[in-house]
Amino acid sequence: MTEKPVNAWGQAIAAFAVVGAIGVGLWAQNEQADRGTSAAETAAVCSGGAAEKGDKAAGRVYGAQLCKALNQPELATWLGTPGELPKSASGSGDGSLGSGLMKTPYRSARIEFDTYTVTIAASYDKMPVAGSESYLGADAHPQKVLRRPAVFYSTQTMGVSFRLDGKDTKSAPGVPAEALVVALDPKDGGGSYELAVWRNHGGYPDRTVLLDIAEHVLPVVPGFDSGSTKPQDTPSS
């Protein structure tokens, strides 16, 4: 992904409305570990992502809940790889975007297969999703998903490699990823859910799979009220 300079206001919006290239695809590759998944193994179950202080009182979803919503048996089928089992499934509960007075809670979960990795996140900022396509790149595509403003856009993961002893840590651009940002509520009053998918071994994923995932996963997220069963438009690739 070619980075383009944006003004200070654009940077502030991008930091809160969506995760961005690093947040959407941070992955780690251990140089001394080779984790294969055999057909005899069972599907991974969710771990981590317990509620943080204030999450329940504020009505915020937390990582464990996002992981449970995403880690459905049909997820591999929606990705186009029926029968494939997830190798890992985890939630994160203590993330945030920004700093100081601009710090915003951010909760996420991640499911990894041999072929694909899928993430889901919830960002509790004050920025609407409608109009965000203006700073998400030339191929950003506005959308309606479950009667909420949404935007498809392309991004890139950030690859991190390291040794077990913690030495020789390296980072570099990873693989292409596709993301779908959906407003946290139908009135688009601020905040968003974000789904992202990428092929673990490179190549461009089909962004249309995110529609199937969003329409099955988001209504299961605690506190989500879709208010619609209307079919959605097909996004441009």
C-alpha atoms as a PDB file:
ATOM      1  CA  MET A   1       0.000   0.000   0.000  1.00  0.00           C
ATOM      2  CA  THR A   2       1.403   3.384  -0.985  1.00  0.00           C
ATOM      3  CA  GLU A   3       1.113   5.858   1.846  1.00  0.00           C
ATOM      4  CA  LYS A   4      -0.156   9.323   1.067  1.00  0.00           C
ATOM      5  CA  PRO A   5       0.350  12.405   3.232  1.00  0.00           C
ATOM      6  CA  VAL A   6      -2.789  13.751   4.905  1.00  0.00           C
ATOM      7  CA  ASN A   7      -3.426  16.862   6.922  1.00  0.00           C
ATOM      8  CA  ALA A   8      -3.639  16.870  10.712  1.00  0.00           C
ATOM      9  CA  TRP A   9      -7.443  16.595  10.737  1.00  0.00           C
ATOM     10  CA  GLY A  10      -7.318  13.665   8.369  1.00  0.00           C
ATOM     11  CA  GLN A  11      -4.768  11.933  10.572  1.00  0.00           C
ATOM     12  CA  ALA A  12      -6.967  12.419  13.616  1.00  0.00           C
ATOM     13  CA  ILE A  13     -10.000  10.985  11.857  1.00  0.00           C
ATOM     14  CA  ALA A  14      -8.048   8.037  10.476  1.00  0.00           C
ATOM     15  CA  ALA A  15      -6.646   7.236  13.907  1.00  0.00           C
ATOM     16  CA  PHE A  16     -10.091   6.962  15.488  1.00  0.00           C
ATOM     17  CA  ALA A  17     -12.518   5.884  12.780  1.00  0.00           C
ATOM     18  CA  VAL A  18     -10.572   2.846  11.624  1.00  0.00           C
ATOM     19  CA  VAL A  19      -7.667   0.761  12.790  1.00  0.00           C
ATOM     20  CA  GLY A  20      -5.450   1.407   9.782  1.00  0.00           C
ATOM     21  CA  ALA A  21      -2.768  -0.671   8.125  1.00  0.00           C
ATOM     22  CA  ILE A  22      -0.825  -1.665  11.237  1.00  0.00           C
ATOM     23  CA  GLY A  23      -3.781  -2.320  13.533  1.00  0.00           C
ATOM     24  CA  VAL A  24      -5.722  -4.279  10.945  1.00  0.00           C
ATOM     25  CA  GLY A  25      -2.944  -6.703  10.200  1.00  0.00           C
ATOM     26  CA  LEU A  26      -0.370  -6.983  12.963  1.00  0.00           C
ATOM     27  CA  TRP A  27       0.921 -10.535  12.852  1.00  0.00           C
ATOM     28  CA  ALA A  28       3.934 -12.308  14.265  1.00  0.00           C
ATOM     29  CA  GLN A  29       6.091 -14.959  12.656  1.00  0.00           C
ATOM     30  CA  ASN A  30       8.349 -16.996  14.932  1.00  0.00           C
ATOM     31  CA  GLU A  31      11.507 -18.043  13.102  1.00  0.00           C
ATOM     32  CA  GLN A  32      12.065 -21.082  15.307  1.00  0.00           C
ATOM     33  CA  ALA A  33       8.517 -22.431  15.493  1.00  0.00           C
ATOM     34  CA  ASP A  34       6.616 -24.308  12.828  1.00  0.00           C
ATOM     35  CA  ARG A  35       2.984 -24.662  13.851  1.00  0.00           C
ATOM     36  CA  GLY A  36       1.236 -27.009  11.452  1.00  0.00           C
ATOM     37  CA  THR A  37      -2.396 -28.067  11.693  1.00  0.00           C
ATOM     38  CA  SER A  38      -3.231 -31.659  10.879  1.00  0.00           C
ATOM     39  CA  ALA A  39      -6.628 -32.964   9.899  1.00  0.00           C
ATOM     40  CA  ALA A  40      -6.777 -34.799  13.247  1.00  0.00           C
ATOM     41  CA  GLU A  41      -6.626 -31.623  15.274  1.00  0.00           C
ATOM     42  CA  THR A  42      -9.709 -29.912  16.596  1.00  0.00           C
ATOM     43  CA  ALA A  43     -10.775 -26.347  15.910  1.00  0.00           C
ATOM     44  CA  ALA A  44      -9.183 -23.723  18.124  1.00  0.00           C
ATOM     45  CA  VAL A  45     -11.317 -22.251  20.882  1.00  0.00           C
ATOM     46  CA  CYS A  46     -11.232 -18.616  21.929  1.00  0.00           C
ATOM     47  CA  SER A  47      -8.866 -17.457  24.643  1.00  0.00           C
ATOM     48  CA  GLY A  48      -8.099 -14.070  26.206  1.00  0.00           C
ATOM     49  CA  GLY A  49      -9.971 -10.814  25.811  1.00  0.00           C
ATOM     50  CA  ALA A  50     -11.599 -10.565  29.237  1.00  0.00           C
ATOM     51  CA  ALA A  51     -13.560  -7.422  29.969  1.00  0.00           C
ATOM     52  CA  GLU A  52     -11.471  -4.459  31.066  1.00  0.00           C
ATOM     53  CA  LYS A  53     -12.420  -2.039  33.822  1.00  0.00           C
ATOM     54  CA  GLY A  54     -15.397   0.025  32.728  1.00  0.00           C
ATOM     55  CA  ASP A  55     -16.321  -2.097  29.695  1.00  0.00           C
ATOM     56  CA  LYS A  56     -19.486  -3.608  31.137  1.00  0.00           C
ATOM     57  CA  ALA A  57     -20.659  -0.370  32.765  1.00  0.00           C
ATOM     58  CA  ALA A  58     -20.151   1.499  29.494  1.00  0.00           C
ATOM     59  CA  GLY A  59     -21.871  -1.191  27.440  1.00  0.00           C
ATOM     60  CA  ARG A  60     -18.695  -1.930  25.467  1.00  0.00           C
ATOM     61  CA  VAL A  61     -18.150  -5.316  23.879  1.00  0.00           C
ATOM     62  CA  TYR A  62     -14.862  -6.951  24.843  1.00  0.00           C
ATOM     63  CA  GLY A  63     -12.419  -9.201  23.044  1.00  0.00           C
ATOM     64  CA  ALA A  64     -13.729 -12.531  24.299  1.00  0.00           C
ATOM     65  CA  GLN A  65     -17.225 -11.659  23.054  1.00  0.00           C
ATOM     66  CA  LEU A  66     -15.908 -10.568  19.658  1.00  0.00           C
ATOM     67  CA  CYS A  67     -13.925 -13.800  19.369  1.00  0.00           C
ATOM     68  CA  LYS A  68     -16.958 -15.921  20.210  1.00  0.00           C
ATOM     69  CA  ALA A  69     -19.068 -14.107  17.612  1.00  0.00           C
ATOM     70  CA  LEU A  70     -16.411 -14.519  14.918  1.00  0.00           C
ATOM     71  CA  ASN A  71     -15.335 -18.089  15.691  1.00  0.00           C
ATOM     72  CA  GLN A  72     -18.404 -19.762  14.231  1.00  0.00           C
ATOM     73  CA  PRO A  73     -18.232 -23.233  12.612  1.00  0.00           C
ATOM     74  CA  GLU A  74     -19.297 -21.751   9.267  1.00  0.00           C
ATOM     75  CA  LEU A  75     -16.494 -19.162   9.153  1.00  0.00           C
ATOM     76  CA  ALA A  76     -14.293 -21.296   6.888  1.00  0.00           C
ATOM     77  CA  THR A  77     -17.234 -21.788   4.507  1.00  0.00           C
ATOM     78  CA  TRP A  78     -17.826 -18.025   4.308  1.00  0.00           C
ATOM     79  CA  LEU A  79     -14.126 -17.649   3.484  1.00  0.00           C
ATOM     80  CA  GLY A  80     -14.433 -20.174   0.671  1.00  0.00           C
ATOM     81  CA  THR A  81     -12.392 -22.897   2.407  1.00  0.00           C
ATOM     82  CA  PRO A  82     -15.050 -25.255   3.828  1.00  0.00           C
ATOM     83  CA  GLY A  83     -13.718 -27.851   6.234  1.00  0.00           C
ATOM     84  CA  GLU A  84     -10.642 -25.880   7.215  1.00  0.00           C
ATOM     85  CA  LEU A  85     -10.176 -25.607  10.984  1.00  0.00           C
ATOM     86  CA  PRO A  86      -8.935 -22.502  12.782  1.00  0.00           C
ATOM     87  CA  LYS A  87      -5.414 -22.887  14.196  1.00  0.00           C
ATOM     88  CA  SER A  88      -5.817 -20.128  16.758  1.00  0.00           C
ATOM     89  CA  ALA A  89      -8.574 -17.918  18.137  1.00  0.00           C
ATOM     90  CA  SER A  90      -7.999 -15.089  20.570  1.00  0.00           C
ATOM     91  CA  GLY A  91      -9.434 -11.865  21.893  1.00  0.00           C
ATOM     92  CA  SER A  92      -7.673  -8.705  23.031  1.00  0.00           C
ATOM     93  CA  GLY A  93      -9.184  -6.530  25.739  1.00  0.00           C
ATOM     94  CA  ASP A  94      -6.811  -3.732  26.632  1.00  0.00           C
ATOM     95  CA  GLY A  95      -6.253  -1.961  23.332  1.00  0.00           C
ATOM     96  CA  SER A  96      -6.813   1.713  22.657  1.00  0.00           C
ATOM     97  CA  LEU A  97      -6.457   4.253  19.876  1.00  0.00           C
ATOM     98  CA  GLY A  98      -4.850   7.646  20.314  1.00  0.00           C
ATOM     99  CA  SER A  99      -3.421   8.988  23.558  1.00  0.00           C
ATOM    100  CA  GLY A 100      -4.200  11.375  26.386  1.00  0.00           C
ATOM    101  CA  LEU A 101      -7.598  13.042  26.121  1.00  0.00           C
ATOM    102  CA  MET A 102      -8.010  11.520  22.647  1.00  0.00           C
ATOM    103  CA  LYS A 103      -7.541   7.950  23.896  1.00  0.00           C
ATOM    104  CA  THR A 104     -10.372   5.703  22.778  1.00  0.00           C
ATOM    105  CA  PRO A 105     -11.188   2.096  23.820  1.00  0.00           C
ATOM    106  CA  TYR A 106     -10.509  -0.475  21.129  1.00  0.00           C
ATOM    107  CA  ARG A 107     -11.331  -4.180  21.475  1.00  0.00           C
ATOM    108  CA  SER A 108     -10.476  -6.904  18.986  1.00  0.00           C
ATOM    109  CA  ALA A 109     -10.318 -10.604  18.173  1.00  0.00           C
ATOM    110  CA  ARG A 110      -8.470 -12.717  15.632  1.00  0.00           C
ATOM    111  CA  ILE A 111      -9.047 -16.139  14.037  1.00  0.00           C
ATOM    112  CA  GLU A 112      -6.230 -17.744  12.058  1.00  0.00           C
ATOM    113  CA  PHE A 113      -6.557 -20.583   9.546  1.00  0.00           C
ATOM    114  CA  ASP A 114      -3.863 -22.105   7.344  1.00  0.00           C
ATOM    115  CA  THR A 115      -5.207 -20.113   4.387  1.00  0.00           C
ATOM    116  CA  TYR A 116      -6.703 -16.947   5.874  1.00  0.00           C
ATOM    117  CA  THR A 117      -6.615 -14.779   8.947  1.00  0.00           C
ATOM    118  CA  VAL A 118      -9.722 -12.813   9.949  1.00  0.00           C
ATOM    119  CA  THR A 119      -9.985 -10.069  12.553  1.00  0.00           C
ATOM    120  CA  ILE A 120     -12.848  -8.150  14.093  1.00  0.00           C
ATOM    121  CA  ALA A 121     -12.583  -4.999  16.167  1.00  0.00           C
ATOM    122  CA  ALA A 122     -14.797  -2.447  17.881  1.00  0.00           C
ATOM    123  CA  SER A 123     -13.628   1.168  18.202  1.00  0.00           C
ATOM    124  CA  TYR A 124     -15.490   3.511  20.553  1.00  0.00           C
ATOM    125  CA  ASP A 125     -14.610   6.879  19.078  1.00  0.00           C
ATOM    126  CA  LYS A 126     -16.798   9.808  18.055  1.00  0.00           C
ATOM    127  CA  MET A 127     -16.079   9.685  14.332  1.00  0.00           C
ATOM    128  CA  PRO A 128     -18.850   8.661  11.893  1.00  0.00           C
ATOM    129  CA  VAL A 129     -18.158   6.061   9.214  1.00  0.00           C
ATOM    130  CA  ALA A 130     -20.055   7.856   6.440  1.00  0.00           C
ATOM    131  CA  GLY A 131     -17.594   9.900   4.428  1.00  0.00           C
ATOM    132  CA  SER A 132     -14.514   8.059   5.684  1.00  0.00           C
ATOM    133  CA  GLU A 133     -13.878   6.702   2.181  1.00  0.00           C
ATOM    134  CA  SER A 134     -12.353  10.083   1.332  1.00  0.00           C
ATOM    135  CA  TYR A 135      -9.190   9.248   3.270  1.00  0.00           C
ATOM    136  CA  LEU A 136      -9.082   5.451   2.916  1.00  0.00           C
ATOM    137  CA  GLY A 137      -7.640   5.321  -0.585  1.00  0.00           C
ATOM    138  CA  ALA A 138      -8.769   5.429  -4.186  1.00  0.00           C
ATOM    139  CA  ASP A 139     -10.404   1.993  -4.028  1.00  0.00           C
ATOM    140  CA  ALA A 140     -12.459   2.703  -0.883  1.00  0.00           C
ATOM    141  CA  HIS A 141     -16.077   1.796  -1.573  1.00  0.00           C
ATOM    142  CA  PRO A 142     -19.014   3.160   0.484  1.00  0.00           C
ATOM    143  CA  GLN A 143     -21.595   0.549   1.360  1.00  0.00           C
ATOM    144  CA  LYS A 144     -24.690  -0.176   3.393  1.00  0.00           C
ATOM    145  CA  VAL A 145     -24.387  -3.175   5.697  1.00  0.00           C
ATOM    146  CA  LEU A 146     -27.273  -4.150   7.969  1.00  0.00           C
ATOM    147  CA  ARG A 147     -28.759  -0.682   7.400  1.00  0.00           C
ATOM    148  CA  ARG A 148     -25.600   1.036   8.615  1.00  0.00           C
ATOM    149  CA  PRO A 149     -23.048   3.140   6.740  1.00  0.00           C
ATOM    150  CA  ALA A 150     -20.011   1.062   5.865  1.00  0.00           C
ATOM    151  CA  VAL A 151     -16.847   1.326   3.786  1.00  0.00           C
ATOM    152  CA  PHE A 152     -14.690  -1.289   2.093  1.00  0.00           C
ATOM    153  CA  TYR A 153     -11.019  -0.441   1.671  1.00  0.00           C
ATOM    154  CA  SER A 154      -7.694  -2.121   0.922  1.00  0.00           C
ATOM    155  CA  THR A 155      -4.763  -2.053   3.304  1.00  0.00           C
ATOM    156  CA  GLN A 156      -1.678  -4.069   4.188  1.00  0.00           C
ATOM    157  CA  THR A 157      -0.544  -6.074   7.175  1.00  0.00           C
ATOM    158  CA  MET A 158       2.629  -5.340   9.077  1.00  0.00           C
ATOM    159  CA  GLY A 159       4.878  -8.377   9.388  1.00  0.00           C
ATOM    160  CA  VAL A 160       6.946  -8.876  12.541  1.00  0.00           C
ATOM    161  CA  SER A 161       9.524 -11.663  12.847  1.00  0.00           C
ATOM    162  CA  PHE A 162      11.447 -12.546  16.009  1.00  0.00           C
ATOM    163  CA  ARG A 163      13.447 -15.266  17.716  1.00  0.00           C
ATOM    164  CA  LEU A 164      12.354 -17.104  20.829  1.00  0.00           C
ATOM    165  CA  ASP A 165      15.004 -15.272  22.861  1.00  0.00           C
ATOM    166  CA  GLY A 166      13.549 -11.932  21.771  1.00  0.00           C
ATOM    167  CA  LYS A 167      16.545 -10.939  19.662  1.00  0.00           C
ATOM    168  CA  ASP A 168      16.665  -9.920  16.008  1.00  0.00           C
ATOM    169  CA  THR A 169      13.171  -8.495  15.922  1.00  0.00           C
ATOM    170  CA  LYS A 170      12.339  -7.212  12.455  1.00  0.00           C
ATOM    171  CA  SER A 171       9.312  -5.584  10.896  1.00  0.00           C
ATOM    172  CA  ALA A 172       8.350  -5.096   7.275  1.00  0.00           C
ATOM    173  CA  PRO A 173       5.260  -4.629   5.130  1.00  0.00           C
ATOM    174  CA  GLY A 174       3.242  -7.826   5.099  1.00  0.00           C
ATOM    175  CA  VAL A 175       0.537  -9.050   2.744  1.00  0.00           C
ATOM    176  CA  PRO A 176      -2.457  -7.272   1.163  1.00  0.00           C
ATOM    177  CA  ALA A 177      -5.612  -7.167   3.250  1.00  0.00           C
ATOM    178  CA  GLU A 178      -9.209  -6.150   2.694  1.00  0.00           C
ATOM    179  CA  ALA A 179     -11.239  -4.424   5.391  1.00  0.00           C
ATOM    180  CA  LEU A 180     -14.853  -3.487   6.017  1.00  0.00           C
ATOM    181  CA  VAL A 181     -15.733  -0.722   8.470  1.00  0.00           C
ATOM    182  CA  VAL A 182     -19.346  -0.646   9.741  1.00  0.00           C
ATOM    183  CA  ALA A 183     -20.926   2.045  11.897  1.00  0.00           C
ATOM    184  CA  LEU A 184     -21.371   1.110  15.538  1.00  0.00           C
ATOM    185  CA  ASP A 185     -25.042   2.109  15.442  1.00  0.00           C
ATOM    186  CA  PRO A 186     -27.599   2.730  12.674  1.00  0.00           C
ATOM    187  CA  LYS A 187     -27.521   6.501  13.229  1.00  0.00           C
ATOM    188  CA  ASP A 188     -23.735   6.539  12.715  1.00  0.00           C
ATOM    189  CA  GLY A 189     -23.198   8.564  15.867  1.00  0.00           C
ATOM    190  CA  GLY A 190     -19.541   7.586  16.152  1.00  0.00           C
ATOM    191  CA  GLY A 191     -17.514   4.429  16.557  1.00  0.00           C
ATOM    192  CA  SER A 192     -17.213   1.416  14.306  1.00  0.00           C
ATOM    193  CA  TYR A 193     -16.819  -2.299  13.886  1.00  0.00           C
ATOM    194  CA  GLU A 194     -14.065  -3.374  11.538  1.00  0.00           C
ATOM    195  CA  LEU A 195     -13.609  -6.743   9.869  1.00  0.00           C
ATOM    196  CA  ALA A 196     -10.429  -7.568   7.974  1.00  0.00           C
ATOM    197  CA  VAL A 197      -9.189 -10.591   6.042  1.00  0.00           C
ATOM    198  CA  TRP A 198      -5.918 -11.533   4.375  1.00  0.00           C
ATOM    199  CA  ARG A 199      -4.259 -14.567   2.807  1.00  0.00           C
ATOM    200  CA  ASN A 200      -1.481 -15.777   5.061  1.00  0.00           C
ATOM    201  CA  HIS A 201       0.808 -16.638   2.171  1.00  0.00           C
ATOM    202  CA  GLY A 202       0.151 -13.549   0.091  1.00  0.00           C
ATOM    203  CA  GLY A 203      -2.171 -12.641  -2.729  1.00  0.00           C
ATOM    204  CA  TYR A 204      -5.246 -10.452  -2.725  1.00  0.00           C
ATOM    205  CA  PRO A 205      -8.269 -11.762  -0.800  1.00  0.00           C
ATOM    206  CA  ASP A 206     -11.781 -11.352  -2.168  1.00  0.00           C
ATOM    207  CA  ARG A 207     -13.346  -8.498  -0.226  1.00  0.00           C
ATOM    208  CA  THR A 208     -16.857  -9.787  -0.920  1.00  0.00           C
ATOM    209  CA  VAL A 209     -16.376 -12.556   1.663  1.00  0.00           C
ATOM    210  CA  LEU A 210     -16.494  -9.825   4.309  1.00  0.00           C
ATOM    211  CA  LEU A 211     -20.163  -9.248   3.522  1.00  0.00           C
ATOM    212  CA  ASP A 212     -21.065 -12.826   4.437  1.00  0.00           C
ATOM    213  CA  ILE A 213     -18.960 -12.612   7.562  1.00  0.00           C
ATOM    214  CA  ALA A 214     -20.404  -9.253   8.614  1.00  0.00           C
ATOM    215  CA  GLU A 215     -24.011 -10.296   8.074  1.00  0.00           C
ATOM    216  CA  HIS A 216     -23.588 -13.459  10.140  1.00  0.00           C
ATOM    217  CA  VAL A 217     -21.170 -12.245  12.793  1.00  0.00           C
ATOM    218  CA  LEU A 218     -22.172  -8.680  13.673  1.00  0.00           C
ATOM    219  CA  PRO A 219     -25.760  -9.523  14.719  1.00  0.00           C
ATOM    220  CA  VAL A 220     -24.284 -12.051  17.191  1.00  0.00           C
ATOM    221  CA  VAL A 221     -22.071  -9.431  18.845  1.00  0.00           C
ATOM    222  CA  PRO A 222     -23.657  -8.444  22.185  1.00  0.00           C
ATOM    223  CA  GLY A 223     -25.459  -5.121  21.924  1.00  0.00           C
ATOM    224  CA  PHE A 224     -25.741  -5.168  18.140  1.00  0.00           C
ATOM    225  CA  ASP A 225     -29.202  -4.521  16.717  1.00  0.00           C
ATOM    226  CA  SER A 226     -29.238  -4.747  12.934  1.00  0.00           C
ATOM    227  CA  GLY A 227     -32.853  -3.692  12.427  1.00  0.00           C
ATOM    228  CA  SER A 228     -32.800  -5.107   8.902  1.00  0.00           C
ATOM    229  CA  THR A 229     -32.683  -8.329   6.925  1.00  0.00           C
ATOM    230  CA  LYS A 230     -32.449  -6.598   3.549  1.00  0.00           C
ATOM    231  CA  PRO A 231     -29.891  -8.006   1.096  1.00  0.00           C
ATOM    232  CA  GLN A 232     -26.804  -5.858   0.648  1.00  0.00           C
ATOM    233  CA  ASP A 233     -25.157  -4.508  -2.466  1.00  0.00           C
ATOM    234  CA  THR A 234     -22.193  -6.396  -3.846  1.00  0.00           C
ATOM    235  CA  PRO A 235     -18.992  -4.378  -3.417  1.00  0.00           C
ATOM    236  CA  SER A 236     -16.560  -3.722  -6.201  1.00  0.00           C
ATOM    237  CA  SER A 237     -13.404  -5.797  -6.003  1.00  0.00           C
END
